Amino acid sequence: MAILQKKICLLGMFGVGKTSLVRRYVNQIFEEKYHTTIGVKVDHKLVALEKANVNLLLWDIAGQEEEHPYVENYFRGAHGALIVYDVLRPESVQATAEYCARLLRVAPHVKLAFTGNKSDLAEAGTLNAEEFKKALGQRTAAHFFTSAKSGENVEAAFTTLAQMMIL
């Protein structure tokens, strides 16, 4: 079976946990220490799906740099995007609309998935997917509550996005 190559951009404000999600997904590790991404960091992971083997190229784009015009160059050739927000920071939810708009101008056919990260820190019963989808303006996109710390739903978010890209 041939190996497909698919590019995924991780977008979201600084400190929402994009790098931690990638580290958990690729290396199954979590570090409490905050690592600032400068520019873009690219990782990869080979995954075996039912319909194909896929080499995922994971472009972890620095949150503070997403406002600069050159960042749109990172979006070129993207097949999917994981839009990450922090469930404890409402401003990170609101910022996702701008990230999506910029991404879709460059890559209009990109597949989207949203993840509310740091779900392990939220109080039980406070996470409502429908409320977040409404706030995100993306009711039909895949949506996950994840915890890079515990690993909750991290694999599911990336796998679902990978499957969406090969359909």
N, C-alpha and C. Protein backbone atom coordinates (compact mmCIF):
# COMPACT_ATOMS: atom_id res chain seq x y z
N MET A 1 0.84 -1.17 0.00
CA MET A 1 0.00 0.00 0.00
C MET A 1 0.89 1.24 0.00
N ALA A 2 0.58 2.19 -0.86
CA ALA A 2 1.35 3.43 -0.96
C ALA A 2 1.16 4.28 0.30
N ILE A 3 2.14 5.12 0.57
CA ILE A 3 2.05 6.02 1.71
C ILE A 3 1.67 7.40 1.20
N LEU A 4 0.57 7.92 1.69
CA LEU A 4 0.14 9.27 1.37
C LEU A 4 0.83 10.24 2.31
N GLN A 5 1.08 11.45 1.84
CA GLN A 5 1.67 12.47 2.70
C GLN A 5 0.66 13.61 2.83
N LYS A 6 0.34 14.00 4.04
CA LYS A 6 -0.64 15.05 4.30
C LYS A 6 -0.08 16.05 5.30
N LYS A 7 -0.29 17.31 4.99
CA LYS A 7 0.19 18.40 5.84
C LYS A 7 -0.96 18.89 6.72
N ILE A 8 -0.68 18.97 8.04
CA ILE A 8 -1.63 19.49 9.01
C ILE A 8 -1.01 20.71 9.69
N CYS A 9 -1.72 21.82 9.69
CA CYS A 9 -1.29 23.01 10.41
C CYS A 9 -1.98 23.04 11.77
N LEU A 10 -1.25 23.32 12.83
CA LEU A 10 -1.83 23.53 14.14
C LEU A 10 -1.86 25.02 14.40
N LEU A 11 -3.06 25.54 14.63
CA LEU A 11 -3.25 26.98 14.80
C LEU A 11 -3.91 27.25 16.14
N GLY A 12 -3.59 28.38 16.71
CA GLY A 12 -4.20 28.80 17.96
C GLY A 12 -3.31 29.81 18.66
N MET A 13 -3.88 30.51 19.61
CA MET A 13 -3.13 31.50 20.36
C MET A 13 -1.93 30.87 21.08
N PHE A 14 -0.99 31.70 21.47
CA PHE A 14 0.15 31.21 22.23
C PHE A 14 -0.36 30.63 23.55
N GLY A 15 0.27 29.56 23.98
CA GLY A 15 -0.05 28.98 25.27
C GLY A 15 -1.28 28.10 25.34
N VAL A 16 -1.92 27.79 24.20
CA VAL A 16 -3.11 26.93 24.24
C VAL A 16 -2.75 25.45 24.28
N GLY A 17 -1.50 25.13 23.96
CA GLY A 17 -1.05 23.74 24.06
C GLY A 17 -0.81 23.04 22.73
N LYS A 18 -0.57 23.79 21.67
CA LYS A 18 -0.32 23.17 20.36
C LYS A 18 0.91 22.26 20.41
N THR A 19 2.00 22.78 20.92
CA THR A 19 3.24 22.00 20.99
C THR A 19 3.07 20.79 21.90
N SER A 20 2.38 20.97 23.01
CA SER A 20 2.14 19.85 23.93
C SER A 20 1.29 18.77 23.27
N LEU A 21 0.31 19.16 22.48
CA LEU A 21 -0.51 18.17 21.77
C LEU A 21 0.33 17.38 20.78
N VAL A 22 1.19 18.07 20.04
CA VAL A 22 2.05 17.38 19.07
C VAL A 22 3.00 16.43 19.79
N ARG A 23 3.61 16.88 20.87
CA ARG A 23 4.54 16.03 21.62
C ARG A 23 3.83 14.81 22.18
N ARG A 24 2.61 14.99 22.68
CA ARG A 24 1.84 13.86 23.20
C ARG A 24 1.50 12.89 22.06
N TYR A 25 1.09 13.42 20.92
CA TYR A 25 0.68 12.58 19.79
C TYR A 25 1.87 11.83 19.18
N VAL A 26 2.95 12.51 18.95
CA VAL A 26 4.10 11.92 18.26
C VAL A 26 4.96 11.08 19.20
N ASN A 27 5.24 11.60 20.39
CA ASN A 27 6.20 10.95 21.30
C ASN A 27 5.58 10.38 22.57
N GLN A 28 4.29 10.54 22.77
CA GLN A 28 3.59 10.08 23.98
C GLN A 28 4.21 10.65 25.25
N ILE A 29 4.61 11.93 25.20
CA ILE A 29 5.17 12.56 26.39
C ILE A 29 4.48 13.90 26.65
N PHE A 30 4.57 14.33 27.89
CA PHE A 30 4.06 15.64 28.30
C PHE A 30 5.05 16.23 29.28
N GLU A 31 5.36 17.51 29.09
CA GLU A 31 6.24 18.22 30.00
C GLU A 31 5.50 19.41 30.57
N GLU A 32 5.60 19.61 31.86
CA GLU A 32 4.95 20.74 32.52
C GLU A 32 5.58 22.07 32.07
N LYS A 33 6.85 22.04 31.74
CA LYS A 33 7.55 23.26 31.35
C LYS A 33 7.02 23.77 30.01
N TYR A 34 6.78 25.07 29.95
CA TYR A 34 6.27 25.70 28.74
C TYR A 34 7.40 25.91 27.74
N HIS A 35 7.18 25.44 26.50
CA HIS A 35 8.16 25.62 25.43
C HIS A 35 7.56 26.56 24.39
N THR A 36 8.19 27.71 24.19
CA THR A 36 7.72 28.66 23.20
C THR A 36 8.20 28.23 21.82
N THR A 37 7.27 28.17 20.88
CA THR A 37 7.63 27.86 19.50
C THR A 37 7.96 29.17 18.80
N ILE A 38 9.07 29.18 18.10
CA ILE A 38 9.47 30.35 17.32
C ILE A 38 9.32 29.98 15.85
N GLY A 39 8.46 30.72 15.14
CA GLY A 39 8.23 30.43 13.73
C GLY A 39 7.35 29.20 13.58
N VAL A 40 7.94 28.12 13.10
CA VAL A 40 7.20 26.88 12.91
C VAL A 40 8.11 25.70 13.26
N LYS A 41 7.52 24.68 13.83
CA LYS A 41 8.25 23.44 14.10
C LYS A 41 7.48 22.33 13.40
N VAL A 42 8.19 21.53 12.63
CA VAL A 42 7.55 20.46 11.86
C VAL A 42 7.95 19.11 12.44
N ASP A 43 6.93 18.31 12.75
CA ASP A 43 7.12 16.93 13.18
C ASP A 43 6.39 16.04 12.20
N HIS A 44 6.59 14.75 12.30
CA HIS A 44 5.82 13.85 11.44
C HIS A 44 5.49 12.58 12.19
N LYS A 45 4.43 11.95 11.73
CA LYS A 45 4.04 10.67 12.30
C LYS A 45 3.40 9.84 11.20
N LEU A 46 3.84 8.60 11.08
CA LEU A 46 3.27 7.66 10.12
C LEU A 46 2.13 6.93 10.82
N VAL A 47 0.94 6.99 10.23
CA VAL A 47 -0.22 6.33 10.81
C VAL A 47 -0.83 5.38 9.79
N ALA A 48 -1.28 4.25 10.29
CA ALA A 48 -1.95 3.26 9.44
C ALA A 48 -3.45 3.39 9.66
N LEU A 49 -4.13 3.84 8.62
CA LEU A 49 -5.58 3.95 8.67
C LEU A 49 -6.18 2.82 7.85
N GLU A 50 -7.46 2.65 7.97
CA GLU A 50 -8.13 1.56 7.27
C GLU A 50 -7.95 1.66 5.76
N LYS A 51 -8.00 2.89 5.22
CA LYS A 51 -7.95 3.07 3.76
C LYS A 51 -6.55 3.37 3.22
N ALA A 52 -5.63 3.77 4.10
CA ALA A 52 -4.30 4.14 3.61
C ALA A 52 -3.33 4.31 4.76
N ASN A 53 -2.04 4.22 4.44
CA ASN A 53 -0.99 4.62 5.36
C ASN A 53 -0.69 6.08 5.06
N VAL A 54 -0.59 6.88 6.11
CA VAL A 54 -0.45 8.32 5.91
C VAL A 54 0.73 8.84 6.74
N ASN A 55 1.60 9.58 6.09
CA ASN A 55 2.67 10.29 6.77
C ASN A 55 2.14 11.70 7.05
N LEU A 56 1.83 11.97 8.31
CA LEU A 56 1.32 13.28 8.68
C LEU A 56 2.47 14.22 8.98
N LEU A 57 2.50 15.33 8.28
CA LEU A 57 3.47 16.39 8.55
C LEU A 57 2.76 17.42 9.41
N LEU A 58 3.19 17.56 10.64
CA LEU A 58 2.51 18.40 11.62
C LEU A 58 3.25 19.72 11.77
N TRP A 59 2.66 20.78 11.26
CA TRP A 59 3.25 22.11 11.29
C TRP A 59 2.71 22.86 12.50
N ASP A 60 3.50 22.94 13.55
CA ASP A 60 3.15 23.64 14.78
C ASP A 60 3.57 25.10 14.60
N ILE A 61 2.59 25.96 14.36
CA ILE A 61 2.86 27.36 14.03
C ILE A 61 2.74 28.22 15.28
N ALA A 62 3.76 29.03 15.53
CA ALA A 62 3.80 29.86 16.74
C ALA A 62 2.59 30.77 16.81
N GLY A 63 1.92 30.78 17.95
CA GLY A 63 0.72 31.58 18.14
C GLY A 63 0.93 33.06 17.99
N GLN A 64 1.98 33.60 18.55
CA GLN A 64 2.20 35.04 18.48
C GLN A 64 2.57 35.49 17.07
N GLU A 65 3.00 34.56 16.22
CA GLU A 65 3.42 34.93 14.89
C GLU A 65 2.30 34.82 13.85
N GLU A 66 1.16 34.28 14.25
CA GLU A 66 0.08 34.08 13.30
C GLU A 66 -0.49 35.39 12.78
N GLU A 67 -0.16 36.50 13.42
CA GLU A 67 -0.65 37.79 12.97
C GLU A 67 0.22 38.39 11.86
N HIS A 68 1.39 37.85 11.63
CA HIS A 68 2.29 38.39 10.61
C HIS A 68 1.91 37.87 9.23
N PRO A 69 2.06 38.71 8.20
CA PRO A 69 1.67 38.31 6.84
C PRO A 69 2.39 37.08 6.30
N TYR A 70 3.67 36.90 6.64
CA TYR A 70 4.43 35.77 6.09
C TYR A 70 3.92 34.42 6.59
N VAL A 71 3.18 34.41 7.68
CA VAL A 71 2.69 33.15 8.25
C VAL A 71 1.77 32.44 7.27
N GLU A 72 1.09 33.19 6.44
CA GLU A 72 0.20 32.56 5.45
C GLU A 72 0.98 31.64 4.51
N ASN A 73 2.28 31.86 4.36
CA ASN A 73 3.10 30.96 3.56
C ASN A 73 3.14 29.56 4.18
N TYR A 74 3.05 29.49 5.51
CA TYR A 74 3.04 28.19 6.19
C TYR A 74 1.78 27.39 5.86
N PHE A 75 0.71 28.09 5.48
CA PHE A 75 -0.57 27.43 5.19
C PHE A 75 -0.60 26.76 3.82
N ARG A 76 0.27 27.19 2.93
CA ARG A 76 0.24 26.66 1.56
C ARG A 76 0.46 25.14 1.56
N GLY A 77 -0.36 24.46 0.81
CA GLY A 77 -0.25 23.02 0.69
C GLY A 77 -0.86 22.24 1.84
N ALA A 78 -1.54 22.93 2.76
CA ALA A 78 -2.15 22.24 3.89
C ALA A 78 -3.36 21.43 3.44
N HIS A 79 -3.47 20.24 3.98
CA HIS A 79 -4.63 19.39 3.72
C HIS A 79 -5.62 19.44 4.88
N GLY A 80 -5.10 19.75 6.07
CA GLY A 80 -5.93 19.79 7.26
C GLY A 80 -5.38 20.77 8.27
N ALA A 81 -6.24 21.13 9.22
CA ALA A 81 -5.80 22.02 10.29
C ALA A 81 -6.48 21.62 11.59
N LEU A 82 -5.70 21.60 12.64
CA LEU A 82 -6.21 21.40 13.98
C LEU A 82 -6.18 22.77 14.64
N ILE A 83 -7.36 23.32 14.88
CA ILE A 83 -7.48 24.64 15.49
C ILE A 83 -7.62 24.40 16.99
N VAL A 84 -6.67 24.93 17.75
CA VAL A 84 -6.58 24.63 19.18
C VAL A 84 -6.93 25.88 19.98
N TYR A 85 -7.79 25.70 20.98
CA TYR A 85 -8.07 26.77 21.93
C TYR A 85 -7.98 26.20 23.34
N ASP A 86 -7.87 27.09 24.30
CA ASP A 86 -7.74 26.71 25.70
C ASP A 86 -9.13 26.84 26.33
N VAL A 87 -9.66 25.76 26.88
CA VAL A 87 -11.01 25.79 27.43
C VAL A 87 -11.14 26.75 28.61
N LEU A 88 -10.02 27.17 29.18
CA LEU A 88 -10.04 28.08 30.33
C LEU A 88 -9.86 29.54 29.91
N ARG A 89 -9.59 29.79 28.62
CA ARG A 89 -9.34 31.16 28.14
C ARG A 89 -10.32 31.51 27.03
N PRO A 90 -11.42 32.19 27.35
CA PRO A 90 -12.43 32.53 26.33
C PRO A 90 -11.86 33.30 25.15
N GLU A 91 -10.85 34.12 25.38
CA GLU A 91 -10.28 34.89 24.27
C GLU A 91 -9.63 33.98 23.23
N SER A 92 -9.18 32.80 23.64
CA SER A 92 -8.58 31.87 22.68
C SER A 92 -9.65 31.25 21.79
N VAL A 93 -10.87 31.10 22.31
CA VAL A 93 -11.99 30.60 21.50
C VAL A 93 -12.34 31.65 20.45
N GLN A 94 -12.45 32.88 20.88
CA GLN A 94 -12.82 33.97 19.98
C GLN A 94 -11.79 34.17 18.87
N ALA A 95 -10.53 33.93 19.16
CA ALA A 95 -9.46 34.14 18.17
C ALA A 95 -9.50 33.11 17.05
N THR A 96 -10.17 31.98 17.24
CA THR A 96 -10.15 30.92 16.22
C THR A 96 -10.78 31.36 14.91
N ALA A 97 -11.76 32.24 14.96
CA ALA A 97 -12.43 32.69 13.73
C ALA A 97 -11.44 33.37 12.78
N GLU A 98 -10.57 34.19 13.32
CA GLU A 98 -9.57 34.87 12.49
C GLU A 98 -8.56 33.88 11.92
N TYR A 99 -8.12 32.91 12.74
CA TYR A 99 -7.18 31.91 12.24
C TYR A 99 -7.80 31.13 11.08
N CYS A 100 -9.05 30.75 11.26
CA CYS A 100 -9.74 29.99 10.20
C CYS A 100 -9.88 30.81 8.93
N ALA A 101 -10.25 32.07 9.06
CA ALA A 101 -10.43 32.93 7.89
C ALA A 101 -9.13 33.07 7.11
N ARG A 102 -8.03 33.30 7.81
CA ARG A 102 -6.73 33.43 7.13
C ARG A 102 -6.32 32.14 6.46
N LEU A 103 -6.52 31.03 7.15
CA LEU A 103 -6.17 29.72 6.59
C LEU A 103 -7.00 29.43 5.35
N LEU A 104 -8.29 29.66 5.42
CA LEU A 104 -9.18 29.32 4.31
C LEU A 104 -8.96 30.21 3.09
N ARG A 105 -8.42 31.41 3.28
CA ARG A 105 -8.07 32.26 2.12
C ARG A 105 -6.94 31.62 1.31
N VAL A 106 -6.01 30.96 1.99
CA VAL A 106 -4.86 30.35 1.33
C VAL A 106 -5.16 28.92 0.90
N ALA A 107 -5.88 28.18 1.75
CA ALA A 107 -6.16 26.76 1.50
C ALA A 107 -7.67 26.52 1.68
N PRO A 108 -8.48 26.91 0.69
CA PRO A 108 -9.94 26.86 0.86
C PRO A 108 -10.54 25.47 1.03
N HIS A 109 -9.83 24.42 0.66
CA HIS A 109 -10.38 23.06 0.75
C HIS A 109 -9.84 22.27 1.94
N VAL A 110 -9.15 22.96 2.83
CA VAL A 110 -8.55 22.30 3.99
C VAL A 110 -9.65 21.74 4.90
N LYS A 111 -9.38 20.58 5.48
CA LYS A 111 -10.30 19.96 6.44
C LYS A 111 -9.98 20.51 7.83
N LEU A 112 -11.01 20.83 8.60
CA LEU A 112 -10.83 21.45 9.90
C LEU A 112 -11.30 20.55 11.03
N ALA A 113 -10.56 20.59 12.12
CA ALA A 113 -11.00 19.98 13.38
C ALA A 113 -10.62 20.95 14.49
N PHE A 114 -11.48 21.06 15.48
CA PHE A 114 -11.25 21.96 16.60
C PHE A 114 -11.00 21.14 17.86
N THR A 115 -10.11 21.64 18.68
CA THR A 115 -9.88 20.96 19.95
C THR A 115 -9.77 21.98 21.08
N GLY A 116 -10.58 21.76 22.08
CA GLY A 116 -10.50 22.53 23.31
C GLY A 116 -9.53 21.81 24.22
N ASN A 117 -8.35 22.36 24.33
CA ASN A 117 -7.30 21.70 25.09
C ASN A 117 -7.35 22.11 26.57
N LYS A 118 -6.68 21.33 27.40
CA LYS A 118 -6.59 21.51 28.85
C LYS A 118 -7.91 21.13 29.53
N SER A 119 -8.60 20.17 28.96
CA SER A 119 -9.88 19.74 29.54
C SER A 119 -9.70 19.13 30.93
N ASP A 120 -8.49 18.67 31.23
CA ASP A 120 -8.23 18.11 32.56
C ASP A 120 -8.28 19.18 33.65
N LEU A 121 -8.18 20.45 33.27
CA LEU A 121 -8.20 21.55 34.24
C LEU A 121 -9.58 22.16 34.42
N ALA A 122 -10.51 21.82 33.54
CA ALA A 122 -11.86 22.37 33.62
C ALA A 122 -12.67 21.63 34.68
N GLU A 123 -13.60 22.32 35.28
CA GLU A 123 -14.46 21.69 36.27
C GLU A 123 -15.41 20.72 35.58
N ALA A 124 -15.72 19.64 36.24
CA ALA A 124 -16.64 18.64 35.69
C ALA A 124 -17.96 19.30 35.35
N GLY A 125 -18.47 18.99 34.16
CA GLY A 125 -19.76 19.51 33.73
C GLY A 125 -19.73 20.87 33.07
N THR A 126 -18.56 21.51 33.00
CA THR A 126 -18.51 22.85 32.40
C THR A 126 -18.25 22.80 30.90
N LEU A 127 -17.83 21.67 30.38
CA LEU A 127 -17.51 21.56 28.96
C LEU A 127 -18.74 21.11 28.18
N ASN A 128 -19.22 21.99 27.31
CA ASN A 128 -20.38 21.69 26.48
C ASN A 128 -19.99 21.91 25.03
N ALA A 129 -19.88 20.84 24.28
CA ALA A 129 -19.40 20.93 22.90
C ALA A 129 -20.27 21.83 22.06
N GLU A 130 -21.57 21.80 22.23
CA GLU A 130 -22.47 22.63 21.42
C GLU A 130 -22.23 24.11 21.67
N GLU A 131 -22.00 24.49 22.92
CA GLU A 131 -21.73 25.88 23.24
C GLU A 131 -20.42 26.33 22.59
N PHE A 132 -19.40 25.49 22.65
CA PHE A 132 -18.13 25.84 22.03
C PHE A 132 -18.27 25.90 20.51
N LYS A 133 -18.99 24.96 19.91
CA LYS A 133 -19.18 24.98 18.46
C LYS A 133 -19.89 26.26 18.04
N LYS A 134 -20.88 26.67 18.81
CA LYS A 134 -21.59 27.92 18.50
C LYS A 134 -20.63 29.10 18.57
N ALA A 135 -19.83 29.16 19.64
CA ALA A 135 -18.86 30.24 19.80
C ALA A 135 -17.82 30.23 18.68
N LEU A 136 -17.47 29.03 18.22
CA LEU A 136 -16.48 28.91 17.15
C LEU A 136 -17.07 29.22 15.78
N GLY A 137 -18.38 29.17 15.66
CA GLY A 137 -19.01 29.39 14.36
C GLY A 137 -18.83 28.21 13.43
N GLN A 138 -18.49 27.06 13.96
CA GLN A 138 -18.21 25.86 13.16
C GLN A 138 -19.00 24.69 13.74
N ARG A 139 -20.25 24.62 13.46
CA ARG A 139 -21.09 23.58 14.04
C ARG A 139 -20.90 22.22 13.40
N THR A 140 -20.41 22.18 12.16
CA THR A 140 -20.29 20.90 11.47
C THR A 140 -18.90 20.30 11.53
N ALA A 141 -17.91 21.08 11.93
CA ALA A 141 -16.54 20.57 11.98
C ALA A 141 -16.39 19.59 13.15
N ALA A 142 -15.40 18.71 13.02
CA ALA A 142 -15.09 17.80 14.13
C ALA A 142 -14.63 18.62 15.32
N HIS A 143 -15.01 18.20 16.52
CA HIS A 143 -14.67 18.94 17.72
C HIS A 143 -14.32 17.96 18.84
N PHE A 144 -13.22 18.25 19.54
CA PHE A 144 -12.77 17.39 20.62
C PHE A 144 -12.37 18.23 21.82
N PHE A 145 -12.56 17.68 23.00
CA PHE A 145 -11.96 18.23 24.21
C PHE A 145 -10.77 17.33 24.52
N THR A 146 -9.59 17.93 24.59
CA THR A 146 -8.36 17.17 24.75
C THR A 146 -7.59 17.60 25.99
N SER A 147 -6.71 16.73 26.40
CA SER A 147 -5.75 17.05 27.45
C SER A 147 -4.40 16.49 27.01
N ALA A 148 -3.49 17.39 26.68
CA ALA A 148 -2.14 16.93 26.32
C ALA A 148 -1.49 16.28 27.54
N LYS A 149 -1.87 16.71 28.72
CA LYS A 149 -1.28 16.18 29.95
C LYS A 149 -1.68 14.71 30.16
N SER A 150 -2.97 14.42 30.07
CA SER A 150 -3.44 13.05 30.31
C SER A 150 -3.48 12.20 29.04
N GLY A 151 -3.47 12.87 27.89
CA GLY A 151 -3.58 12.17 26.61
C GLY A 151 -5.02 12.01 26.14
N GLU A 152 -5.98 12.46 26.93
CA GLU A 152 -7.39 12.31 26.59
C GLU A 152 -7.71 12.91 25.21
N ASN A 153 -8.25 12.08 24.34
CA ASN A 153 -8.75 12.45 23.01
C ASN A 153 -7.69 13.00 22.05
N VAL A 154 -6.43 12.97 22.41
CA VAL A 154 -5.39 13.49 21.50
C VAL A 154 -5.30 12.61 20.26
N GLU A 155 -5.18 11.33 20.46
CA GLU A 155 -5.11 10.39 19.33
C GLU A 155 -6.37 10.50 18.47
N ALA A 156 -7.53 10.59 19.10
CA ALA A 156 -8.80 10.66 18.38
C ALA A 156 -8.87 11.91 17.51
N ALA A 157 -8.40 13.04 18.01
CA ALA A 157 -8.45 14.29 17.24
C ALA A 157 -7.60 14.20 15.98
N PHE A 158 -6.36 13.74 16.13
CA PHE A 158 -5.47 13.64 14.97
C PHE A 158 -5.93 12.55 14.00
N THR A 159 -6.38 11.42 14.53
CA THR A 159 -6.83 10.33 13.66
C THR A 159 -8.06 10.71 12.87
N THR A 160 -9.00 11.37 13.53
CA THR A 160 -10.21 11.82 12.82
C THR A 160 -9.86 12.79 11.71
N LEU A 161 -8.98 13.73 11.99
CA LEU A 161 -8.56 14.69 10.97
C LEU A 161 -7.85 13.97 9.82
N ALA A 162 -7.01 13.02 10.11
CA ALA A 162 -6.31 12.25 9.07
C ALA A 162 -7.33 11.52 8.20
N GLN A 163 -8.33 10.91 8.81
CA GLN A 163 -9.35 10.20 8.05
C GLN A 163 -10.15 11.15 7.17
N MET A 164 -10.45 12.33 7.68
CA MET A 164 -11.18 13.34 6.90
C MET A 164 -10.39 13.73 5.65
N MET A 165 -9.07 13.79 5.77
CA MET A 165 -8.22 14.23 4.66
C MET A 165 -8.10 13.21 3.55
N ILE A 166 -8.30 11.94 3.84
CA ILE A 166 -8.13 10.92 2.79
C ILE A 166 -9.42 10.51 2.14
N LEU A 167 -10.53 11.04 2.60
CA LEU A 167 -11.82 10.70 1.99
C LEU A 167 -12.00 11.37 0.65
